[in-house]
Amino acid sequence: MTHDPNCIFCKIVQGAIPSRKVYEDDEILAFHDIAPWAPVHFLMVPKQHVPSLAHVSEAHAPLLGRMLALAPRLALEQGCQPYPEGGHRVVINTGVQGGQEVHHLHVHVMGGPRPWAKG
């Protein structure tokens, strides 16, 4: 597994920076966003350092599939209301122009009553 010693999300994965964990397994860590845009807002990151969605290859497909399949369950567990009246939003910012601030692939999962301040 690769890590970037200068990456804040790699430091969170390694436990060097504390987080409010939502979920963890061998490949994925999910934790609450420190500046939430919605009543429910957490991030899902691969434990392996992947800089962005632009760096994903076919080999990452199973991991990304697991992350996307896990998102709805975690959203409900964190307080989102069920589909179709409720729901959640899944966002992957990619690159500077795509709004990516931390260059470690991460999935934002946001939900709860609207309107949200951002997002």
C-alpha atoms as a PDB file:
ATOM      1  CA  MET A   1       0.000   0.000   0.000  1.00  0.00           C
ATOM      2  CA  THR A   2       1.367   3.412  -0.911  1.00  0.00           C
ATOM      3  CA  HIS A   3       1.248   6.541   1.239  1.00  0.00           C
ATOM      4  CA  ASP A   4       2.329  10.128   0.681  1.00  0.00           C
ATOM      5  CA  PRO A   5       4.021  11.404   3.860  1.00  0.00           C
ATOM      6  CA  ASN A   6       2.871  14.967   3.056  1.00  0.00           C
ATOM      7  CA  CYS A   7      -0.790  14.045   2.450  1.00  0.00           C
ATOM      8  CA  ILE A   8      -3.255  14.959   5.210  1.00  0.00           C
ATOM      9  CA  PHE A   9      -5.586  12.085   4.283  1.00  0.00           C
ATOM     10  CA  CYS A  10      -2.702   9.590   4.380  1.00  0.00           C
ATOM     11  CA  LYS A  11      -1.911  10.918   7.864  1.00  0.00           C
ATOM     12  CA  ILE A  12      -5.557  10.412   8.872  1.00  0.00           C
ATOM     13  CA  VAL A  13      -5.505   6.862   7.443  1.00  0.00           C
ATOM     14  CA  GLN A  14      -2.355   6.098   9.465  1.00  0.00           C
ATOM     15  CA  GLY A  15      -3.875   7.575  12.643  1.00  0.00           C
ATOM     16  CA  ALA A  16      -1.293  10.390  12.896  1.00  0.00           C
ATOM     17  CA  ILE A  17      -4.148  12.928  12.668  1.00  0.00           C
ATOM     18  CA  PRO A  18      -7.353  12.103  14.557  1.00  0.00           C
ATOM     19  CA  SER A  19     -10.703  11.831  12.795  1.00  0.00           C
ATOM     20  CA  ARG A  20     -14.297  11.017  13.675  1.00  0.00           C
ATOM     21  CA  LYS A  21     -14.559   7.654  11.939  1.00  0.00           C
ATOM     22  CA  VAL A  22     -17.719   6.553  10.192  1.00  0.00           C
ATOM     23  CA  TYR A  23     -16.376   3.281   8.770  1.00  0.00           C
ATOM     24  CA  GLU A  24     -13.118   1.414   8.282  1.00  0.00           C
ATOM     25  CA  ASP A  25     -11.990  -1.779   6.595  1.00  0.00           C
ATOM     26  CA  ASP A  26      -8.735  -2.952   4.993  1.00  0.00           C
ATOM     27  CA  GLU A  27      -9.088  -0.657   1.955  1.00  0.00           C
ATOM     28  CA  ILE A  28     -11.435   2.199   2.899  1.00  0.00           C
ATOM     29  CA  LEU A  29     -11.711   4.791   5.642  1.00  0.00           C
ATOM     30  CA  ALA A  30     -14.758   7.022   6.022  1.00  0.00           C
ATOM     31  CA  PHE A  31     -14.750   9.968   8.419  1.00  0.00           C
ATOM     32  CA  HIS A  32     -16.727  13.131   9.134  1.00  0.00           C
ATOM     33  CA  ASP A  33     -15.761  16.256   7.207  1.00  0.00           C
ATOM     34  CA  ILE A  34     -14.230  18.904   9.507  1.00  0.00           C
ATOM     35  CA  ALA A  35     -16.117  21.687   7.660  1.00  0.00           C
ATOM     36  CA  PRO A  36     -19.453  20.082   6.715  1.00  0.00           C
ATOM     37  CA  TRP A  37     -21.599  21.554   3.963  1.00  0.00           C
ATOM     38  CA  ALA A  38     -24.681  19.583   4.966  1.00  0.00           C
ATOM     39  CA  PRO A  39     -26.226  18.062   8.105  1.00  0.00           C
ATOM     40  CA  VAL A  40     -24.646  14.737   7.067  1.00  0.00           C
ATOM     41  CA  HIS A  41     -21.224  15.130   5.433  1.00  0.00           C
ATOM     42  CA  PHE A  42     -18.490  12.542   5.520  1.00  0.00           C
ATOM     43  CA  LEU A  43     -15.605  11.549   3.283  1.00  0.00           C
ATOM     44  CA  MET A  44     -14.667   8.124   2.002  1.00  0.00           C
ATOM     45  CA  VAL A  45     -11.008   7.632   1.068  1.00  0.00           C
ATOM     46  CA  PRO A  46      -9.036   4.672  -0.180  1.00  0.00           C
ATOM     47  CA  LYS A  47      -6.282   3.805   2.288  1.00  0.00           C
ATOM     48  CA  GLN A  48      -3.898   3.598  -0.649  1.00  0.00           C
ATOM     49  CA  HIS A  49      -2.741   7.028  -1.824  1.00  0.00           C
ATOM     50  CA  VAL A  50      -4.346   7.791  -5.187  1.00  0.00           C
ATOM     51  CA  PRO A  51      -4.009  11.514  -6.005  1.00  0.00           C
ATOM     52  CA  SER A  52      -7.328  11.931  -7.848  1.00  0.00           C
ATOM     53  CA  LEU A  53      -9.985  10.302  -9.975  1.00  0.00           C
ATOM     54  CA  ALA A  54      -7.779  11.273 -12.939  1.00  0.00           C
ATOM     55  CA  HIS A  55      -5.203   8.755 -11.643  1.00  0.00           C
ATOM     56  CA  VAL A  56      -7.611   5.821 -11.429  1.00  0.00           C
ATOM     57  CA  SER A  57      -7.012   2.812 -13.656  1.00  0.00           C
ATOM     58  CA  GLU A  58      -9.049  -0.280 -14.434  1.00  0.00           C
ATOM     59  CA  ALA A  59      -7.304  -1.940 -11.485  1.00  0.00           C
ATOM     60  CA  HIS A  60      -9.109   0.492  -9.138  1.00  0.00           C
ATOM     61  CA  ALA A  61     -12.586  -0.471 -10.418  1.00  0.00           C
ATOM     62  CA  PRO A  62     -13.340  -2.999  -7.626  1.00  0.00           C
ATOM     63  CA  LEU A  63     -12.318  -0.500  -4.933  1.00  0.00           C
ATOM     64  CA  LEU A  64     -14.371   2.337  -6.434  1.00  0.00           C
ATOM     65  CA  GLY A  65     -17.316  -0.006  -6.856  1.00  0.00           C
ATOM     66  CA  ARG A  66     -17.123  -0.964  -3.182  1.00  0.00           C
ATOM     67  CA  MET A  67     -16.927   2.691  -2.162  1.00  0.00           C
ATOM     68  CA  LEU A  68     -19.983   3.653  -4.209  1.00  0.00           C
ATOM     69  CA  ALA A  69     -21.928   0.600  -3.049  1.00  0.00           C
ATOM     70  CA  LEU A  70     -21.077   1.416   0.580  1.00  0.00           C
ATOM     71  CA  ALA A  71     -22.063   5.101   0.377  1.00  0.00           C
ATOM     72  CA  PRO A  72     -25.877   4.630   0.591  1.00  0.00           C
ATOM     73  CA  ARG A  73     -25.637   2.354   3.633  1.00  0.00           C
ATOM     74  CA  LEU A  74     -23.326   4.729   5.472  1.00  0.00           C
ATOM     75  CA  ALA A  75     -25.488   7.727   4.500  1.00  0.00           C
ATOM     76  CA  LEU A  76     -28.525   6.074   6.117  1.00  0.00           C
ATOM     77  CA  GLU A  77     -26.499   5.105   9.198  1.00  0.00           C
ATOM     78  CA  GLN A  78     -25.340   8.715   9.555  1.00  0.00           C
ATOM     79  CA  GLY A  79     -28.880  10.108   9.459  1.00  0.00           C
ATOM     80  CA  CYS A  80     -29.909  10.603   5.840  1.00  0.00           C
ATOM     81  CA  GLN A  81     -33.531   9.788   5.134  1.00  0.00           C
ATOM     82  CA  PRO A  82     -34.301   6.913   2.741  1.00  0.00           C
ATOM     83  CA  TYR A  83     -34.827   7.259  -0.995  1.00  0.00           C
ATOM     84  CA  PRO A  84     -36.886   8.677  -2.718  1.00  0.00           C
ATOM     85  CA  GLU A  85     -38.036  11.469  -0.372  1.00  0.00           C
ATOM     86  CA  GLY A  86     -34.689  11.579   1.406  1.00  0.00           C
ATOM     87  CA  GLY A  87     -31.410  10.705  -0.194  1.00  0.00           C
ATOM     88  CA  HIS A  88     -27.867  11.945  -0.349  1.00  0.00           C
ATOM     89  CA  ARG A  89     -25.343  13.395  -2.743  1.00  0.00           C
ATOM     90  CA  VAL A  90     -22.058  11.764  -3.796  1.00  0.00           C
ATOM     91  CA  VAL A  91     -19.351  14.088  -5.143  1.00  0.00           C
ATOM     92  CA  ILE A  92     -15.800  13.437  -6.331  1.00  0.00           C
ATOM     93  CA  ASN A  93     -13.921  16.666  -7.047  1.00  0.00           C
ATOM     94  CA  THR A  94     -11.043  16.130  -9.481  1.00  0.00           C
ATOM     95  CA  GLY A  95      -8.200  18.582 -10.033  1.00  0.00           C
ATOM     96  CA  VAL A  96      -7.967  22.252  -9.173  1.00  0.00           C
ATOM     97  CA  GLN A  97     -10.621  23.323 -11.673  1.00  0.00           C
ATOM     98  CA  GLY A  98     -12.871  20.539 -10.390  1.00  0.00           C
ATOM     99  CA  GLY A  99     -12.654  21.910  -6.839  1.00  0.00           C
ATOM    100  CA  GLN A 100     -10.262  19.309  -5.413  1.00  0.00           C
ATOM    101  CA  GLU A 101      -8.426  20.761  -2.399  1.00  0.00           C
ATOM    102  CA  VAL A 102      -6.746  17.647  -0.980  1.00  0.00           C
ATOM    103  CA  HIS A 103      -4.937  15.608  -3.608  1.00  0.00           C
ATOM    104  CA  HIS A 104      -5.904  12.173  -2.325  1.00  0.00           C
ATOM    105  CA  LEU A 105      -8.943  10.625  -3.986  1.00  0.00           C
ATOM    106  CA  HIS A 106     -11.987  11.160  -1.783  1.00  0.00           C
ATOM    107  CA  VAL A 107     -15.732  10.826  -2.092  1.00  0.00           C
ATOM    108  CA  HIS A 108     -17.945  13.370  -0.343  1.00  0.00           C
ATOM    109  CA  VAL A 109     -21.256  11.933   0.874  1.00  0.00           C
ATOM    110  CA  MET A 110     -23.709  14.672   1.871  1.00  0.00           C
ATOM    111  CA  GLY A 111     -27.342  14.666   2.869  1.00  0.00           C
ATOM    112  CA  GLY A 112     -29.998  15.923   5.175  1.00  0.00           C
ATOM    113  CA  PRO A 113     -32.582  18.689   4.872  1.00  0.00           C
ATOM    114  CA  ARG A 114     -31.816  21.376   2.291  1.00  0.00           C
ATOM    115  CA  PRO A 115     -30.847  24.150   1.688  1.00  0.00           C
ATOM    116  CA  TRP A 116     -27.188  23.560   2.293  1.00  0.00           C
ATOM    117  CA  ALA A 117     -24.742  26.397   2.650  1.00  0.00           C
ATOM    118  CA  LYS A 118     -22.610  25.018  -0.186  1.00  0.00           C
ATOM    119  CA  GLY A 119     -22.354  22.052  -2.493  1.00  0.00           C
END
